[in-house]
Protein backbone atom coordinates (compact mmCIF):
# COMPACT_ATOMS: atom_id res chain seq x y z
CA MET A 1 0.00 0.00 0.00
CA PHE A 2 1.33 3.44 -0.93
CA GLY A 3 0.16 6.83 0.29
CA ASN A 4 1.38 10.28 1.11
CA GLY A 5 1.81 10.21 4.83
CA LEU A 6 0.99 8.07 7.84
CA GLN A 7 1.80 9.22 11.34
CA PRO A 8 4.51 7.02 12.89
CA GLY A 9 2.38 6.43 15.99
CA LEU A 10 -0.41 4.90 13.87
CA TRP A 11 1.74 2.80 11.54
CA ARG A 12 1.78 -0.58 13.34
CA ASP A 13 -1.84 -0.28 14.51
CA PHE A 14 -2.92 0.46 10.92
CA GLN A 15 -1.00 -2.56 9.62
CA ALA A 16 -2.49 -4.85 12.27
CA ARG A 17 -6.05 -3.61 11.91
CA PHE A 18 -6.19 -3.76 8.11
CA GLY A 19 -3.73 -6.60 7.49
CA VAL A 20 -1.33 -4.43 5.51
CA LYS A 21 2.14 -5.98 5.38
CA MET A 22 3.95 -3.25 3.45
CA ILE A 23 3.44 0.50 3.60
CA GLY A 24 5.25 2.89 1.31
CA GLU A 25 5.05 6.65 1.40
CA PHE A 26 5.92 9.39 -1.03
CA TYR A 27 6.63 12.95 -0.08
CA GLY A 28 6.94 16.17 -2.03
CA ALA A 29 5.02 19.16 -3.22
CA THR A 30 2.85 18.86 -6.30
CA GLU A 31 4.06 22.17 -7.68
CA GLY A 32 7.68 21.60 -6.70
CA ASN A 33 10.63 19.91 -8.31
CA CYS A 34 11.46 17.25 -5.73
CA ASN A 35 9.90 14.11 -4.35
CA ILE A 36 11.21 11.24 -2.27
CA ILE A 37 9.77 7.85 -1.46
CA ASN A 38 9.90 5.40 1.44
CA THR A 39 9.82 1.99 -0.23
CA ASP A 40 11.18 -0.21 2.54
CA ASN A 41 8.43 0.02 5.18
CA THR A 42 10.55 2.17 7.54
CA ILE A 43 8.22 3.68 10.13
CA GLY A 44 8.41 7.47 10.22
CA ALA A 45 10.76 7.84 7.23
CA CYS A 46 9.62 10.07 4.41
CA GLY A 47 12.09 8.56 1.96
CA PHE A 48 15.75 8.62 1.09
CA THR A 49 18.13 10.68 -0.97
CA SER A 50 21.04 9.40 -3.03
CA MET A 51 24.45 9.51 -1.41
CA ILE A 52 26.07 7.83 -4.43
CA ALA A 53 24.94 10.08 -7.28
CA PRO A 54 23.38 13.25 -5.82
CA PHE A 55 24.08 15.15 -9.05
CA MET A 56 21.56 12.89 -10.86
CA TYR A 57 18.72 13.82 -8.52
CA PRO A 58 19.74 16.92 -6.56
CA VAL A 59 17.42 16.78 -3.56
CA THR A 60 18.33 16.68 0.10
CA LEU A 61 17.11 17.47 3.58
CA ILE A 62 18.53 20.62 5.13
CA LYS A 63 18.63 21.53 8.80
CA VAL A 64 16.18 24.06 10.16
CA ASP A 65 15.60 25.30 13.69
CA GLU A 66 12.38 25.05 15.72
CA ASP A 67 11.00 28.09 13.91
CA ASN A 68 11.77 26.57 10.47
CA ASN A 69 14.66 28.99 9.84
CA ILE A 70 17.31 27.48 7.58
CA MET A 71 20.58 26.66 9.33
CA ARG A 72 23.76 27.56 7.45
CA ASP A 73 27.45 26.76 7.85
CA ARG A 74 30.24 29.33 8.22
CA ASN A 75 30.29 29.76 4.42
CA GLY A 76 26.59 30.62 4.25
CA VAL A 77 25.56 27.35 2.59
CA CYS A 78 22.75 25.20 3.99
CA VAL A 79 23.65 22.42 6.43
CA ARG A 80 22.47 18.97 5.34
CA THR A 81 20.80 16.71 7.87
CA LYS A 82 22.22 13.40 8.97
CA PRO A 83 20.14 10.22 8.69
CA GLY A 84 17.27 10.30 11.17
CA GLU A 85 17.37 14.07 11.75
CA LEU A 86 14.41 16.32 11.02
CA GLY A 87 14.87 18.65 8.12
CA GLU A 88 13.24 20.38 5.20
CA LEU A 89 13.22 18.73 1.78
CA VAL A 90 14.75 20.89 -0.96
CA GLY A 91 15.22 20.36 -4.68
CA LYS A 92 17.86 22.22 -6.65
CA ILE A 93 16.34 24.58 -9.22
CA VAL A 94 17.96 24.30 -12.64
CA ALA A 95 16.62 26.68 -15.29
CA GLY A 96 15.93 25.02 -18.63
CA GLU A 97 15.57 21.49 -17.18
CA PRO A 98 11.87 20.59 -17.05
CA LEU A 99 12.22 18.32 -14.01
CA ARG A 100 14.45 20.71 -12.07
CA LYS A 101 12.87 24.09 -12.79
CA PHE A 102 10.36 25.96 -10.66
CA ASP A 103 8.25 28.53 -12.48
CA GLY A 104 6.84 30.04 -9.31
CA TYR A 105 3.41 31.26 -8.38
CA ALA A 106 1.29 34.18 -9.55
CA SER A 107 2.44 36.04 -6.43
CA LYS A 108 6.12 37.01 -6.30
CA GLU A 109 5.90 37.07 -2.49
CA ALA A 110 4.62 33.46 -2.41
CA THR A 111 7.34 32.39 -4.86
CA ASP A 112 10.07 34.03 -2.78
CA LYS A 113 8.93 32.09 0.31
CA LYS A 114 9.45 28.79 -1.54
CA VAL A 115 12.94 29.47 -2.91
CA ALA A 116 16.15 29.31 -0.88
CA MET A 117 19.45 30.70 -2.08
CA ASN A 118 22.93 29.23 -1.54
CA VAL A 119 21.71 25.74 -0.71
CA PHE A 120 24.11 23.22 -2.27
CA LYS A 121 26.72 25.86 -3.15
CA LYS A 122 27.02 29.64 -3.38
CA GLY A 123 24.78 31.14 -6.08
CA ASP A 124 22.36 28.24 -6.52
CA MET A 125 18.65 28.05 -5.68
CA ALA A 126 16.37 25.33 -4.34
CA PHE A 127 12.64 24.77 -3.93
CA LEU A 128 11.54 24.49 -0.29
CA THR A 129 8.88 22.05 0.79
CA VAL A 130 7.41 22.92 4.17
CA THR A 131 7.27 19.58 5.92
CA HIS A 132 4.44 18.31 8.08
CA LYS A 133 7.04 16.56 10.21
CA LEU A 134 8.50 19.94 11.15
CA LYS A 135 5.06 21.37 11.91
CA LYS A 136 4.40 18.27 14.01
CA THR A 137 7.25 19.15 16.37
CA THR A 138 5.52 22.48 17.04
CA LEU A 139 2.21 20.71 17.63
CA GLN A 140 3.87 18.22 20.00
CA ALA A 141 5.44 21.06 21.97
CA GLU A 142 2.07 22.80 22.25
CA GLY A 143 0.20 19.61 23.08
CA SER A 144 -3.27 20.40 24.36
CA ASN A 145 -2.02 23.23 26.52
CA PRO A 146 -4.29 26.24 25.99
CA HIS A 147 -1.48 28.45 27.31
CA LYS A 148 0.77 27.48 24.35
CA THR A 149 -1.43 26.82 21.33
CA GLU A 150 -2.96 29.49 19.14
CA ASP A 151 -5.44 26.99 17.64
CA ARG A 152 -8.89 26.50 19.09
CA LEU A 153 -9.16 23.27 21.05
CA PHE A 154 -12.26 21.18 21.65
CA TYR A 155 -13.21 18.30 23.95
CA MET A 156 -16.08 15.82 23.93
CA ASN A 157 -18.56 16.56 26.70
CA ASN A 158 -20.00 13.07 27.16
CA LYS A 159 -22.82 14.35 29.38
CA ILE A 160 -24.42 16.19 26.47
CA GLY A 161 -22.81 14.23 23.60
CA GLN A 162 -21.25 17.31 21.94
CA TYR A 163 -17.85 18.79 21.31
CA LYS A 164 -17.32 21.98 23.27
CA PRO A 165 -14.57 24.62 23.09
CA LEU A 166 -11.73 23.90 25.51
CA THR A 167 -11.27 26.86 27.81
CA LEU A 168 -9.09 27.23 30.89
CA ASP A 169 -12.24 26.78 33.00
CA SER A 170 -13.14 23.50 31.29
CA VAL A 171 -9.54 22.25 31.54
CA PHE A 172 -9.60 22.52 35.31
CA LEU A 173 -13.18 21.26 35.57
CA TYR A 174 -12.84 18.10 33.43
CA PHE A 175 -9.13 17.31 33.27
CA LYS A 176 -6.07 17.23 35.49
CA PRO A 177 -3.60 19.33 33.55
CA ASN A 178 0.15 18.98 34.12
CA PHE A 179 1.07 22.56 33.20
C-alpha cells in the first residue's frame, strides 16, 4: 500500500487492523521539483536521498531550527541533515531542465517564500517544501495546553454528547492538567 503520509504512531496499529504488510510513502510538493519515497516500510521515514549520485537527482534534507529557519554553515551554505534528523526537503532549481525548474506562483511574495538561495553551493537556488514533520514538532510542543497553542481546542462533553470549546475553566473542571 502506498500513500502520502501516515503518522509514525499509527503505523503498526494500521498494519495490524487492516492486514497491511507493506506501507510505502511518497513525499513532495505537487508544484515543486522534488519528491522522495519510502519503499522499505521504515516507520516514520519520508524517503531517502542518493548519497552515491546526488548530481543525478539533486534533492536533500537541510537543517532548520524550531522556527523553520534554515541553518547555514560558516560559508553561508545550507547544512544537510544526517540520517534520522528532522529537516526540510529541498530540490535544486535548474533553469531550462523541465524536471528541475520551478516557475513560481502568480504572487512574487509566495514564490520568494518557496525558494532558498545558496543551498548546495554559493549562487544556486532550491525549492523548499514545508514539511508536516516539522510542523508536528511544534504541535507536539504545544500539546493540548491552551497556554501554548494558538489553535482552538475542543473536547467531547459526554454528558451532552457534543464537542465543546476547551477553555481554561473546562480544563480545570474536566481534566487534570500537568502545566
